[in-house]
Structure formats: structure tokens, C-alpha cells
């Protein structure tokens, strides 16, 4: 018995920010939306993030800026992503160096913590 991989992860936004979240994750980050099974009656959307899925759900009255919890997206050009994030005026928080990787954290416009990481 063992864990064999990651199927999906979920982050949440308030209901009033759901369409802005779609614009950010699908437009700005360039993810691809995938069908969400109609069995789910709550608001949200799903998208591909490389080899696994991300789910955006709705959760109200949460201070997302108070947590270190995050998703780490592996990218192919972390320097270009850093420039794009800076141009969007999203504050970057550098992280301790991990041998063989370049990385940084930032928060999406809804307060969710995101790490972008590249193998060197």
C-alpha cells in the first residue's frame, strides 16, 4: 500500500471572486479548463496544471494571507515567470535555496500562496 501520485489539489476563493479567479488561472497563468462533473452543485471550476488537476472552489470568510499552505507549479522558465509576476505587481517572496532548483512564492489576487519552481 503506497501513495502513487497527486490527482488534484484545490484552492478556494470567495464566490464574488470566482470569475476573476477563472481569468487569473486560465488567462494569466495559462492553464486549460477541463469539464467539472455535473454531480457537483457548488460553484467552482477545474483546470489542468501539467500532469495533475487543480480545482477552484468557493469558501467565504477565510484569511488566505495568514497561511503558508501553497501549490508549487513546476515551470520551464522561472526567470520569465518572475518578470511576468513583477509586471503584474504581485509581491514576490523569495524562498531559501534548494540545491538544483530556482523558485519563488507569490500570492494570487485572492490571497492563495503559489510557488513557481524550476529544476536547474
PDB file of N, CA and C in Angstrom:
ATOM      1  N   UNK A   1       0.852  -1.173   0.000  1.00  0.00           N
ATOM      2  CA  UNK A   1       0.000   0.000   0.000  1.00  0.00           C
ATOM      3  C   UNK A   1       0.897   1.235   0.000  1.00  0.00           C
ATOM      4  N   UNK A   2       0.686   2.148  -0.971  1.00  0.00           N
ATOM      5  CA  UNK A   2       1.506   3.353  -1.043  1.00  0.00           C
ATOM      6  C   UNK A   2       0.778   4.449  -1.808  1.00  0.00           C
ATOM      7  N   UNK A   3       1.201   5.673  -1.598  1.00  0.00           N
ATOM      8  CA  UNK A   3       0.719   6.801  -2.383  1.00  0.00           C
ATOM      9  C   UNK A   3       1.430   6.739  -3.725  1.00  0.00           C
ATOM     10  N   UNK A   4       0.687   6.873  -4.825  1.00  0.00           N
ATOM     11  CA  UNK A   4       1.306   6.713  -6.145  1.00  0.00           C
ATOM     12  C   UNK A   4       1.348   8.008  -6.952  1.00  0.00           C
ATOM     13  N   UNK A   5       0.835   9.106  -6.443  1.00  0.00           N
ATOM     14  CA  UNK A   5       0.905  10.362  -7.174  1.00  0.00           C
ATOM     15  C   UNK A   5      -0.081  11.374  -6.644  1.00  0.00           C
ATOM     16  N   UNK A   6      -0.141  12.505  -7.332  1.00  0.00           N
ATOM     17  CA  UNK A   6      -1.089  13.557  -6.986  1.00  0.00           C
ATOM     18  C   UNK A   6      -2.174  13.571  -8.044  1.00  0.00           C
ATOM     19  N   UNK A   7      -3.417  13.462  -7.632  1.00  0.00           N
ATOM     20  CA  UNK A   7      -4.541  13.518  -8.559  1.00  0.00           C
ATOM     21  C   UNK A   7      -4.981  14.958  -8.774  1.00  0.00           C
ATOM     22  N   UNK A   8      -5.200  15.678  -7.671  1.00  0.00           N
ATOM     23  CA  UNK A   8      -5.589  17.077  -7.774  1.00  0.00           C
ATOM     24  C   UNK A   8      -5.331  17.791  -6.463  1.00  0.00           C
ATOM     25  N   UNK A   9      -5.340  19.106  -6.537  1.00  0.00           N
ATOM     26  CA  UNK A   9      -5.285  19.961  -5.357  1.00  0.00           C
ATOM     27  C   UNK A   9      -6.363  21.017  -5.542  1.00  0.00           C
ATOM     28  N   UNK A  10      -6.784  21.639  -4.458  1.00  0.00           N
ATOM     29  CA  UNK A  10      -7.829  22.656  -4.544  1.00  0.00           C
ATOM     30  C   UNK A  10      -7.415  23.885  -3.773  1.00  0.00           C
ATOM     31  N   UNK A  11      -7.720  25.041  -4.340  1.00  0.00           N
ATOM     32  CA  UNK A  11      -7.643  26.308  -3.632  1.00  0.00           C
ATOM     33  C   UNK A  11      -9.019  26.941  -3.713  1.00  0.00           C
ATOM     34  N   UNK A  12      -9.271  27.885  -2.830  1.00  0.00           N
ATOM     35  CA  UNK A  12     -10.594  28.475  -2.750  1.00  0.00           C
ATOM     36  C   UNK A  12     -10.541  29.982  -2.870  1.00  0.00           C
ATOM     37  N   UNK A  13     -11.637  30.531  -3.330  1.00  0.00           N
ATOM     38  CA  UNK A  13     -11.834  31.973  -3.412  1.00  0.00           C
ATOM     39  C   UNK A  13     -13.249  32.261  -2.924  1.00  0.00           C
ATOM     40  N   UNK A  14     -13.530  33.528  -2.655  1.00  0.00           N
ATOM     41  CA  UNK A  14     -14.909  33.860  -2.295  1.00  0.00           C
ATOM     42  C   UNK A  14     -15.766  33.811  -3.554  1.00  0.00           C
ATOM     43  N   UNK A  15     -17.053  33.618  -3.384  1.00  0.00           N
ATOM     44  CA  UNK A  15     -17.966  33.497  -4.529  1.00  0.00           C
ATOM     45  C   UNK A  15     -17.893  34.726  -5.433  1.00  0.00           C
ATOM     46  N   UNK A  16     -17.741  35.896  -4.840  1.00  0.00           N
ATOM     47  CA  UNK A  16     -17.693  37.121  -5.631  1.00  0.00           C
ATOM     48  C   UNK A  16     -16.431  37.214  -6.496  1.00  0.00           C
ATOM     49  N   UNK A  17     -15.421  36.410  -6.198  1.00  0.00           N
ATOM     50  CA  UNK A  17     -14.155  36.457  -6.942  1.00  0.00           C
ATOM     51  C   UNK A  17     -13.981  35.285  -7.908  1.00  0.00           C
ATOM     52  N   UNK A  18     -14.986  34.449  -8.048  1.00  0.00           N
ATOM     53  CA  UNK A  18     -14.847  33.236  -8.847  1.00  0.00           C
ATOM     54  C   UNK A  18     -14.499  33.531 -10.310  1.00  0.00           C
ATOM     55  N   UNK A  19     -15.160  34.487 -10.934  1.00  0.00           N
ATOM     56  CA  UNK A  19     -14.864  34.785 -12.345  1.00  0.00           C
ATOM     57  C   UNK A  19     -13.485  35.426 -12.499  1.00  0.00           C
ATOM     58  N   UNK A  20     -13.079  36.253 -11.537  1.00  0.00           N
ATOM     59  CA  UNK A  20     -11.725  36.821 -11.565  1.00  0.00           C
ATOM     60  C   UNK A  20     -10.690  35.716 -11.402  1.00  0.00           C
ATOM     61  N   UNK A  21     -11.000  34.709 -10.592  1.00  0.00           N
ATOM     62  CA  UNK A  21     -10.089  33.571 -10.423  1.00  0.00           C
ATOM     63  C   UNK A  21      -9.959  32.810 -11.732  1.00  0.00           C
ATOM     64  N   UNK A  22     -11.056  32.631 -12.437  1.00  0.00           N
ATOM     65  CA  UNK A  22     -11.015  31.965 -13.748  1.00  0.00           C
ATOM     66  C   UNK A  22     -10.093  32.748 -14.693  1.00  0.00           C
ATOM     67  N   UNK A  23     -10.244  34.076 -14.731  1.00  0.00           N
ATOM     68  CA  UNK A  23      -9.395  34.916 -15.581  1.00  0.00           C
ATOM     69  C   UNK A  23      -7.927  34.782 -15.194  1.00  0.00           C
ATOM     70  N   UNK A  24      -7.637  34.753 -13.893  1.00  0.00           N
ATOM     71  CA  UNK A  24      -6.253  34.668 -13.426  1.00  0.00           C
ATOM     72  C   UNK A  24      -5.629  33.321 -13.767  1.00  0.00           C
ATOM     73  N   UNK A  25      -6.290  32.239 -13.383  1.00  0.00           N
ATOM     74  CA  UNK A  25      -5.697  30.909 -13.585  1.00  0.00           C
ATOM     75  C   UNK A  25      -5.693  30.475 -15.047  1.00  0.00           C
ATOM     76  N   UNK A  26      -6.740  30.785 -15.777  1.00  0.00           N
ATOM     77  CA  UNK A  26      -6.810  30.372 -17.179  1.00  0.00           C
ATOM     78  C   UNK A  26      -6.147  31.386 -18.104  1.00  0.00           C
ATOM     79  N   UNK A  27      -6.337  32.659 -17.835  1.00  0.00           N
ATOM     80  CA  UNK A  27      -5.756  33.694 -18.687  1.00  0.00           C
ATOM     81  C   UNK A  27      -4.318  34.009 -18.318  1.00  0.00           C
ATOM     82  N   UNK A  28      -4.108  34.545 -17.126  1.00  0.00           N
ATOM     83  CA  UNK A  28      -2.779  34.990 -16.709  1.00  0.00           C
ATOM     84  C   UNK A  28      -1.782  33.839 -16.594  1.00  0.00           C
ATOM     85  N   UNK A  29      -2.169  32.759 -15.893  1.00  0.00           N
ATOM     86  CA  UNK A  29      -1.257  31.617 -15.735  1.00  0.00           C
ATOM     87  C   UNK A  29      -1.299  30.665 -16.925  1.00  0.00           C
ATOM     88  N   UNK A  30      -2.322  30.756 -17.760  1.00  0.00           N
ATOM     89  CA  UNK A  30      -2.380  29.949 -18.976  1.00  0.00           C
ATOM     90  C   UNK A  30      -2.778  28.502 -18.787  1.00  0.00           C
ATOM     91  N   UNK A  31      -3.490  28.198 -17.720  1.00  0.00           N
ATOM     92  CA  UNK A  31      -3.961  26.835 -17.506  1.00  0.00           C
ATOM     93  C   UNK A  31      -5.130  26.557 -18.462  1.00  0.00           C
ATOM     94  N   UNK A  32      -5.471  25.286 -18.616  1.00  0.00           N
ATOM     95  CA  UNK A  32      -6.560  24.886 -19.514  1.00  0.00           C
ATOM     96  C   UNK A  32      -7.716  24.326 -18.691  1.00  0.00           C
ATOM     97  N   UNK A  33      -8.886  24.939 -18.847  1.00  0.00           N
ATOM     98  CA  UNK A  33     -10.065  24.471 -18.113  1.00  0.00           C
ATOM     99  C   UNK A  33     -10.490  23.102 -18.618  1.00  0.00           C
ATOM    100  N   UNK A  34     -10.936  22.276 -17.694  1.00  0.00           N
ATOM    101  CA  UNK A  34     -11.439  20.945 -18.023  1.00  0.00           C
ATOM    102  C   UNK A  34     -12.855  20.818 -17.464  1.00  0.00           C
ATOM    103  N   UNK A  35     -13.636  19.910 -18.016  1.00  0.00           N
ATOM    104  CA  UNK A  35     -15.024  19.771 -17.539  1.00  0.00           C
ATOM    105  C   UNK A  35     -15.084  19.380 -16.057  1.00  0.00           C
ATOM    106  N   UNK A  36     -16.002  19.986 -15.372  1.00  0.00           N
ATOM    107  CA  UNK A  36     -16.282  19.669 -13.976  1.00  0.00           C
ATOM    108  C   UNK A  36     -17.549  18.827 -13.972  1.00  0.00           C
ATOM    109  N   UNK A  37     -17.499  17.631 -13.393  1.00  0.00           N
ATOM    110  CA  UNK A  37     -18.685  16.763 -13.418  1.00  0.00           C
ATOM    111  C   UNK A  37     -19.917  17.466 -12.852  1.00  0.00           C
ATOM    112  N   UNK A  38     -21.055  17.309 -13.508  1.00  0.00           N
ATOM    113  CA  UNK A  38     -22.275  18.000 -13.070  1.00  0.00           C
ATOM    114  C   UNK A  38     -22.795  17.527 -11.714  1.00  0.00           C
ATOM    115  N   UNK A  39     -22.228  16.473 -11.172  1.00  0.00           N
ATOM    116  CA  UNK A  39     -22.657  15.996  -9.860  1.00  0.00           C
ATOM    117  C   UNK A  39     -22.355  17.038  -8.771  1.00  0.00           C
ATOM    118  N   UNK A  40     -21.380  17.923  -9.027  1.00  0.00           N
ATOM    119  CA  UNK A  40     -21.037  18.953  -8.049  1.00  0.00           C
ATOM    120  C   UNK A  40     -21.988  20.126  -8.202  1.00  0.00           C
ATOM    121  N   UNK A  41     -22.716  20.436  -7.169  1.00  0.00           N
ATOM    122  CA  UNK A  41     -23.706  21.511  -7.201  1.00  0.00           C
ATOM    123  C   UNK A  41     -23.123  22.831  -6.703  1.00  0.00           C
ATOM    124  N   UNK A  42     -21.971  22.794  -6.047  1.00  0.00           N
ATOM    125  CA  UNK A  42     -21.346  24.021  -5.552  1.00  0.00           C
ATOM    126  C   UNK A  42     -20.649  24.737  -6.707  1.00  0.00           C
ATOM    127  N   UNK A  43     -20.310  25.998  -6.492  1.00  0.00           N
ATOM    128  CA  UNK A  43     -19.611  26.774  -7.514  1.00  0.00           C
ATOM    129  C   UNK A  43     -18.140  26.375  -7.567  1.00  0.00           C
ATOM    130  N   UNK A  44     -17.552  26.544  -8.740  1.00  0.00           N
ATOM    131  CA  UNK A  44     -16.130  26.287  -8.901  1.00  0.00           C
ATOM    132  C   UNK A  44     -15.814  25.893 -10.329  1.00  0.00           C
ATOM    133  N   UNK A  45     -14.531  25.659 -10.592  1.00  0.00           N
ATOM    134  CA  UNK A  45     -14.092  25.172 -11.891  1.00  0.00           C
ATOM    135  C   UNK A  45     -12.810  24.376 -11.716  1.00  0.00           C
ATOM    136  N   UNK A  46     -12.500  23.572 -12.721  1.00  0.00           N
ATOM    137  CA  UNK A  46     -11.317  22.712 -12.702  1.00  0.00           C
ATOM    138  C   UNK A  46     -10.433  23.041 -13.887  1.00  0.00           C
ATOM    139  N   UNK A  47      -9.137  22.810 -13.728  1.00  0.00           N
ATOM    140  CA  UNK A  47      -8.214  23.015 -14.840  1.00  0.00           C
ATOM    141  C   UNK A  47      -7.014  22.092 -14.714  1.00  0.00           C
ATOM    142  N   UNK A  48      -6.316  21.921 -15.834  1.00  0.00           N
ATOM    143  CA  UNK A  48      -5.098  21.120 -15.852  1.00  0.00           C
ATOM    144  C   UNK A  48      -3.928  21.988 -15.437  1.00  0.00           C
ATOM    145  N   UNK A  49      -3.061  21.434 -14.615  1.00  0.00           N
ATOM    146  CA  UNK A  49      -1.808  22.074 -14.211  1.00  0.00           C
ATOM    147  C   UNK A  49      -0.700  21.067 -14.483  1.00  0.00           C
ATOM    148  N   UNK A  50      -0.311  20.958 -15.732  1.00  0.00           N
ATOM    149  CA  UNK A  50       0.700  19.964 -16.095  1.00  0.00           C
ATOM    150  C   UNK A  50       0.116  18.573 -16.042  1.00  0.00           C
ATOM    151  N   UNK A  51       0.629  17.744 -15.149  1.00  0.00           N
ATOM    152  CA  UNK A  51       0.202  16.347 -15.084  1.00  0.00           C
ATOM    153  C   UNK A  51      -0.888  16.086 -14.044  1.00  0.00           C
ATOM    154  N   UNK A  52      -1.379  17.131 -13.402  1.00  0.00           N
ATOM    155  CA  UNK A  52      -2.472  16.906 -12.455  1.00  0.00           C
ATOM    156  C   UNK A  52      -3.499  18.017 -12.578  1.00  0.00           C
ATOM    157  N   UNK A  53      -4.599  17.859 -11.875  1.00  0.00           N
ATOM    158  CA  UNK A  53      -5.693  18.818 -11.912  1.00  0.00           C
ATOM    159  C   UNK A  53      -5.630  19.760 -10.722  1.00  0.00           C
ATOM    160  N   UNK A  54      -6.129  20.967 -10.958  1.00  0.00           N
ATOM    161  CA  UNK A  54      -6.367  21.920  -9.885  1.00  0.00           C
ATOM    162  C   UNK A  54      -7.857  22.207  -9.876  1.00  0.00           C
ATOM    163  N   UNK A  55      -8.394  22.364  -8.703  1.00  0.00           N
ATOM    164  CA  UNK A  55      -9.809  22.688  -8.538  1.00  0.00           C
ATOM    165  C   UNK A  55      -9.897  24.022  -7.803  1.00  0.00           C
ATOM    166  N   UNK A  56     -10.744  24.904  -8.302  1.00  0.00           N
ATOM    167  CA  UNK A  56     -11.025  26.161  -7.617  1.00  0.00           C
ATOM    168  C   UNK A  56     -12.427  26.026  -7.040  1.00  0.00           C
ATOM    169  N   UNK A  57     -12.509  26.181  -5.736  1.00  0.00           N
ATOM    170  CA  UNK A  57     -13.786  26.095  -5.045  1.00  0.00           C
ATOM    171  C   UNK A  57     -14.118  27.414  -4.380  1.00  0.00           C
ATOM    172  N   UNK A  58     -15.245  27.444  -3.733  1.00  0.00           N
ATOM    173  CA  UNK A  58     -15.711  28.650  -3.048  1.00  0.00           C
ATOM    174  C   UNK A  58     -15.688  28.409  -1.551  1.00  0.00           C
ATOM    175  N   UNK A  59     -15.113  29.366  -0.847  1.00  0.00           N
ATOM    176  CA  UNK A  59     -15.077  29.334   0.618  1.00  0.00           C
ATOM    177  C   UNK A  59     -15.051  30.781   1.090  1.00  0.00           C
ATOM    178  N   UNK A  60     -15.964  31.126   1.939  1.00  0.00           N
ATOM    179  CA  UNK A  60     -16.083  32.503   2.411  1.00  0.00           C
ATOM    180  C   UNK A  60     -15.379  32.714   3.751  1.00  0.00           C
ATOM    181  N   UNK A  61     -15.049  33.978   4.009  1.00  0.00           N
ATOM    182  CA  UNK A  61     -14.553  34.427   5.315  1.00  0.00           C
ATOM    183  C   UNK A  61     -13.307  33.690   5.786  1.00  0.00           C
ATOM    184  N   UNK A  62     -12.320  33.545   4.885  1.00  0.00           N
ATOM    185  CA  UNK A  62     -11.057  32.900   5.227  1.00  0.00           C
ATOM    186  C   UNK A  62      -9.929  33.886   4.956  1.00  0.00           C
ATOM    187  N   UNK A  63      -8.992  33.998   5.880  1.00  0.00           N
ATOM    188  CA  UNK A  63      -7.824  34.857   5.681  1.00  0.00           C
ATOM    189  C   UNK A  63      -6.736  34.024   5.009  1.00  0.00           C
ATOM    190  N   UNK A  64      -6.769  33.968   3.675  1.00  0.00           N
ATOM    191  CA  UNK A  64      -5.812  33.166   2.926  1.00  0.00           C
ATOM    192  C   UNK A  64      -4.382  33.676   3.099  1.00  0.00           C
ATOM    193  N   UNK A  65      -4.224  34.960   3.391  1.00  0.00           N
ATOM    194  CA  UNK A  65      -2.900  35.534   3.592  1.00  0.00           C
ATOM    195  C   UNK A  65      -2.243  35.115   4.892  1.00  0.00           C
ATOM    196  N   UNK A  66      -2.963  34.408   5.738  1.00  0.00           N
ATOM    197  CA  UNK A  66      -2.426  34.007   7.035  1.00  0.00           C
ATOM    198  C   UNK A  66      -1.814  32.608   7.010  1.00  0.00           C
ATOM    199  N   UNK A  67      -1.784  31.961   5.862  1.00  0.00           N
ATOM    200  CA  UNK A  67      -1.285  30.590   5.808  1.00  0.00           C
ATOM    201  C   UNK A  67      -0.069  30.473   4.899  1.00  0.00           C
ATOM    202  N   UNK A  68       0.799  29.530   5.201  1.00  0.00           N
ATOM    203  CA  UNK A  68       1.936  29.211   4.347  1.00  0.00           C
ATOM    204  C   UNK A  68       1.580  28.109   3.352  1.00  0.00           C
ATOM    205  N   UNK A  69       0.411  27.501   3.498  1.00  0.00           N
ATOM    206  CA  UNK A  69      -0.013  26.443   2.580  1.00  0.00           C
ATOM    207  C   UNK A  69       0.061  26.968   1.154  1.00  0.00           C
ATOM    208  N   UNK A  70       0.473  26.112   0.210  1.00  0.00           N
ATOM    209  CA  UNK A  70       0.639  26.566  -1.172  1.00  0.00           C
ATOM    210  C   UNK A  70       0.627  25.409  -2.150  1.00  0.00           C
ATOM    211  N   UNK A  71       0.471  25.784  -3.428  1.00  0.00           N
ATOM    212  CA  UNK A  71       0.640  24.866  -4.546  1.00  0.00           C
ATOM    213  C   UNK A  71       1.970  25.254  -5.188  1.00  0.00           C
ATOM    214  N   UNK A  72       2.755  24.280  -5.600  1.00  0.00           N
ATOM    215  CA  UNK A  72       4.013  24.550  -6.298  1.00  0.00           C
ATOM    216  C   UNK A  72       3.861  24.076  -7.735  1.00  0.00           C
ATOM    217  N   UNK A  73       3.905  25.022  -8.662  1.00  0.00           N
ATOM    218  CA  UNK A  73       3.804  24.709 -10.091  1.00  0.00           C
ATOM    219  C   UNK A  73       5.211  24.670 -10.669  1.00  0.00           C
ATOM    220  N   UNK A  74       5.566  23.551 -11.307  1.00  0.00           N
ATOM    221  CA  UNK A  74       6.861  23.451 -11.957  1.00  0.00           C
ATOM    222  C   UNK A  74       6.776  24.157 -13.302  1.00  0.00           C
ATOM    223  N   UNK A  75       7.735  25.034 -13.585  1.00  0.00           N
ATOM    224  CA  UNK A  75       7.745  25.832 -14.810  1.00  0.00           C
ATOM    225  C   UNK A  75       9.042  25.595 -15.581  1.00  0.00           C
ATOM    226  N   UNK A  76       9.056  26.014 -16.847  1.00  0.00           N
ATOM    227  CA  UNK A  76      10.240  25.809 -17.673  1.00  0.00           C
ATOM    228  C   UNK A  76      11.127  27.045 -17.780  1.00  0.00           C
ATOM    229  N   UNK A  77      10.677  28.199 -17.257  1.00  0.00           N
ATOM    230  CA  UNK A  77      11.478  29.425 -17.300  1.00  0.00           C
ATOM    231  C   UNK A  77      11.092  30.304 -16.118  1.00  0.00           C
ATOM    232  N   UNK A  78      11.646  30.003 -14.955  1.00  0.00           N
ATOM    233  CA  UNK A  78      11.261  30.698 -13.727  1.00  0.00           C
ATOM    234  C   UNK A  78      11.603  32.190 -13.808  1.00  0.00           C
ATOM    235  N   UNK A  79      12.682  32.556 -14.515  1.00  0.00           N
ATOM    236  CA  UNK A  79      13.049  33.970 -14.647  1.00  0.00           C
ATOM    237  C   UNK A  79      11.983  34.741 -15.425  1.00  0.00           C
ATOM    238  N   UNK A  80      11.467  34.163 -16.496  1.00  0.00           N
ATOM    239  CA  UNK A  80      10.408  34.814 -17.268  1.00  0.00           C
ATOM    240  C   UNK A  80       9.140  34.944 -16.436  1.00  0.00           C
ATOM    241  N   UNK A  81       8.825  33.910 -15.660  1.00  0.00           N
ATOM    242  CA  UNK A  81       7.653  33.978 -14.793  1.00  0.00           C
ATOM    243  C   UNK A  81       7.840  35.049 -13.731  1.00  0.00           C
ATOM    244  N   UNK A  82       9.037  35.173 -13.165  1.00  0.00           N
ATOM    245  CA  UNK A  82       9.298  36.206 -12.161  1.00  0.00           C
ATOM    246  C   UNK A  82       9.004  37.588 -12.759  1.00  0.00           C
ATOM    247  N   UNK A  83       9.478  37.810 -13.980  1.00  0.00           N
ATOM    248  CA  UNK A  83       9.254  39.088 -14.644  1.00  0.00           C
ATOM    249  C   UNK A  83       7.755  39.339 -14.844  1.00  0.00           C
ATOM    250  N   UNK A  84       7.025  38.315 -15.281  1.00  0.00           N
ATOM    251  CA  UNK A  84       5.582  38.460 -15.503  1.00  0.00           C
ATOM    252  C   UNK A  84       4.862  38.777 -14.196  1.00  0.00           C
ATOM    253  N   UNK A  85       5.240  38.106 -13.124  1.00  0.00           N
ATOM    254  CA  UNK A  85       4.612  38.337 -11.815  1.00  0.00           C
ATOM    255  C   UNK A  85       4.931  39.746 -11.328  1.00  0.00           C
ATOM    256  N   UNK A  86       6.178  40.179 -11.497  1.00  0.00           N
ATOM    257  CA  UNK A  86       6.554  41.543 -11.109  1.00  0.00           C
ATOM    258  C   UNK A  86       5.782  42.580 -11.915  1.00  0.00           C
ATOM    259  N   UNK A  87       5.635  42.351 -13.231  1.00  0.00           N
ATOM    260  CA  UNK A  87       4.897  43.284 -14.077  1.00  0.00           C
ATOM    261  C   UNK A  87       3.429  43.366 -13.671  1.00  0.00           C
ATOM    262  N   UNK A  88       2.896  42.297 -13.131  1.00  0.00           N
ATOM    263  CA  UNK A  88       1.519  42.288 -12.638  1.00  0.00           C
ATOM    264  C   UNK A  88       1.410  42.917 -11.253  1.00  0.00           C
ATOM    265  N   UNK A  89       2.546  43.336 -10.710  1.00  0.00           N
ATOM    266  CA  UNK A  89       2.625  43.969  -9.389  1.00  0.00           C
ATOM    267  C   UNK A  89       2.125  43.072  -8.269  1.00  0.00           C
ATOM    268  N   UNK A  90       2.405  41.770  -8.428  1.00  0.00           N
ATOM    269  CA  UNK A  90       2.117  40.819  -7.352  1.00  0.00           C
ATOM    270  C   UNK A  90       3.410  40.644  -6.568  1.00  0.00           C
ATOM    271  N   UNK A  91       3.406  40.930  -5.271  1.00  0.00           N
ATOM    272  CA  UNK A  91       4.645  40.861  -4.488  1.00  0.00           C
ATOM    273  C   UNK A  91       5.251  39.453  -4.476  1.00  0.00           C
ATOM    274  N   UNK A  92       6.543  39.397  -4.684  1.00  0.00           N
ATOM    275  CA  UNK A  92       7.294  38.137  -4.694  1.00  0.00           C
ATOM    276  C   UNK A  92       7.980  37.956  -3.355  1.00  0.00           C
ATOM    277  N   UNK A  93       7.955  36.720  -2.863  1.00  0.00           N
ATOM    278  CA  UNK A  93       8.666  36.384  -1.640  1.00  0.00           C
ATOM    279  C   UNK A  93       9.671  35.290  -1.982  1.00  0.00           C
ATOM    280  N   UNK A  94      10.955  35.659  -1.950  1.00  0.00           N
ATOM    281  CA  UNK A  94      11.989  34.665  -2.221  1.00  0.00           C
ATOM    282  C   UNK A  94      12.034  33.648  -1.094  1.00  0.00           C
ATOM    283  N   UNK A  95      12.435  32.443  -1.457  1.00  0.00           N
ATOM    284  CA  UNK A  95      12.470  31.327  -0.521  1.00  0.00           C
ATOM    285  C   UNK A  95      13.901  30.835  -0.359  1.00  0.00           C
ATOM    286  N   UNK A  96      14.180  30.091   0.712  1.00  0.00           N
ATOM    287  CA  UNK A  96      15.526  29.521   0.866  1.00  0.00           C
ATOM    288  C   UNK A  96      15.879  28.672  -0.358  1.00  0.00           C
ATOM    289  N   UNK A  97      17.150  28.685  -0.712  1.00  0.00           N
ATOM    290  CA  UNK A  97      17.614  27.931  -1.880  1.00  0.00           C
ATOM    291  C   UNK A  97      17.533  26.430  -1.615  1.00  0.00           C
ATOM    292  N   UNK A  98      17.063  25.714  -2.616  1.00  0.00           N
ATOM    293  CA  UNK A  98      17.066  24.254  -2.614  1.00  0.00           C
ATOM    294  C   UNK A  98      18.039  23.855  -3.713  1.00  0.00           C
ATOM    295  N   UNK A  99      19.048  23.031  -3.411  1.00  0.00           N
ATOM    296  CA  UNK A  99      20.005  22.648  -4.454  1.00  0.00           C
ATOM    297  C   UNK A  99      19.306  22.070  -5.680  1.00  0.00           C
ATOM    298  N   UNK A 100      19.678  22.583  -6.852  1.00  0.00           N
ATOM    299  CA  UNK A 100      19.120  22.087  -8.104  1.00  0.00           C
ATOM    300  C   UNK A 100      17.828  22.749  -8.541  1.00  0.00           C
ATOM    301  N   UNK A 101      17.354  23.760  -7.805  1.00  0.00           N
ATOM    302  CA  UNK A 101      16.089  24.420  -8.128  1.00  0.00           C
ATOM    303  C   UNK A 101      16.220  25.931  -7.992  1.00  0.00           C
ATOM    304  N   UNK A 102      15.451  26.641  -8.800  1.00  0.00           N
ATOM    305  CA  UNK A 102      15.200  28.076  -8.618  1.00  0.00           C
ATOM    306  C   UNK A 102      13.712  28.189  -8.343  1.00  0.00           C
ATOM    307  N   UNK A 103      13.342  29.079  -7.408  1.00  0.00           N
ATOM    308  CA  UNK A 103      11.934  29.164  -7.046  1.00  0.00           C
ATOM    309  C   UNK A 103      11.626  30.476  -6.357  1.00  0.00           C
ATOM    310  N   UNK A 104      10.354  30.806  -6.312  1.00  0.00           N
ATOM    311  CA  UNK A 104       9.861  31.932  -5.528  1.00  0.00           C
ATOM    312  C   UNK A 104       8.382  31.720  -5.245  1.00  0.00           C
ATOM    313  N   UNK A 105       7.878  32.458  -4.274  1.00  0.00           N
ATOM    314  CA  UNK A 105       6.467  32.428  -3.913  1.00  0.00           C
ATOM    315  C   UNK A 105       5.836  33.779  -4.234  1.00  0.00           C
ATOM    316  N   UNK A 106       4.553  33.769  -4.485  1.00  0.00           N
ATOM    317  CA  UNK A 106       3.738  34.973  -4.569  1.00  0.00           C
ATOM    318  C   UNK A 106       2.314  34.570  -4.217  1.00  0.00           C
ATOM    319  N   UNK A 107       1.455  35.542  -3.998  1.00  0.00           N
ATOM    320  CA  UNK A 107       0.051  35.257  -3.710  1.00  0.00           C
ATOM    321  C   UNK A 107      -0.792  35.662  -4.900  1.00  0.00           C
ATOM    322  N   UNK A 108      -1.754  34.796  -5.244  1.00  0.00           N
ATOM    323  CA  UNK A 108      -2.677  35.162  -6.318  1.00  0.00           C
ATOM    324  C   UNK A 108      -3.515  36.350  -5.833  1.00  0.00           C
ATOM    325  N   UNK A 109      -4.273  36.981  -6.695  1.00  0.00           N
ATOM    326  CA  UNK A 109      -5.052  38.149  -6.271  1.00  0.00           C
ATOM    327  C   UNK A 109      -6.092  37.864  -5.186  1.00  0.00           C
ATOM    328  N   UNK A 110      -6.273  36.604  -4.834  1.00  0.00           N
ATOM    329  CA  UNK A 110      -7.279  36.206  -3.847  1.00  0.00           C
ATOM    330  C   UNK A 110      -6.634  35.782  -2.526  1.00  0.00           C
ATOM    331  N   UNK A 111      -5.291  35.878  -2.451  1.00  0.00           N
ATOM    332  CA  UNK A 111      -4.561  35.571  -1.234  1.00  0.00           C
ATOM    333  C   UNK A 111      -3.965  34.181  -1.167  1.00  0.00           C
ATOM    334  N   UNK A 112      -4.252  33.313  -2.140  1.00  0.00           N
ATOM    335  CA  UNK A 112      -3.684  31.959  -2.127  1.00  0.00           C
ATOM    336  C   UNK A 112      -2.201  32.014  -2.454  1.00  0.00           C
ATOM    337  N   UNK A 113      -1.403  31.278  -1.686  1.00  0.00           N
ATOM    338  CA  UNK A 113       0.045  31.241  -1.832  1.00  0.00           C
ATOM    339  C   UNK A 113       0.428  30.308  -2.983  1.00  0.00           C
ATOM    340  N   UNK A 114       1.274  30.778  -3.906  1.00  0.00           N
ATOM    341  CA  UNK A 114       1.712  29.998  -5.056  1.00  0.00           C
ATOM    342  C   UNK A 114       3.232  29.983  -5.107  1.00  0.00           C
ATOM    343  N   UNK A 115       3.794  28.825  -5.383  1.00  0.00           N
ATOM    344  CA  UNK A 115       5.228  28.703  -5.627  1.00  0.00           C
ATOM    345  C   UNK A 115       5.430  28.340  -7.087  1.00  0.00           C
ATOM    346  N   UNK A 116       6.364  29.009  -7.750  1.00  0.00           N
ATOM    347  CA  UNK A 116       6.807  28.628  -9.083  1.00  0.00           C
ATOM    348  C   UNK A 116       8.236  28.120  -8.939  1.00  0.00           C
ATOM    349  N   UNK A 117       8.494  26.925  -9.490  1.00  0.00           N
ATOM    350  CA  UNK A 117       9.776  26.262  -9.271  1.00  0.00           C
ATOM    351  C   UNK A 117      10.271  25.650 -10.579  1.00  0.00           C
ATOM    352  N   UNK A 118      11.601  25.733 -10.780  1.00  0.00           N
ATOM    353  CA  UNK A 118      12.230  25.169 -11.979  1.00  0.00           C
ATOM    354  C   UNK A 118      13.440  24.359 -11.584  1.00  0.00           C
ATOM    355  N   UNK A 119      13.532  23.160 -12.153  1.00  0.00           N
ATOM    356  CA  UNK A 119      14.723  22.337 -11.967  1.00  0.00           C
ATOM    357  C   UNK A 119      15.848  22.942 -12.791  1.00  0.00           C
ATOM    358  N   UNK A 120      17.028  23.012 -12.212  1.00  0.00           N
ATOM    359  CA  UNK A 120      18.171  23.597 -12.928  1.00  0.00           C
ATOM    360  C   UNK A 120      19.162  22.513 -13.341  1.00  0.00           C
TER     361      UNK A 120
END
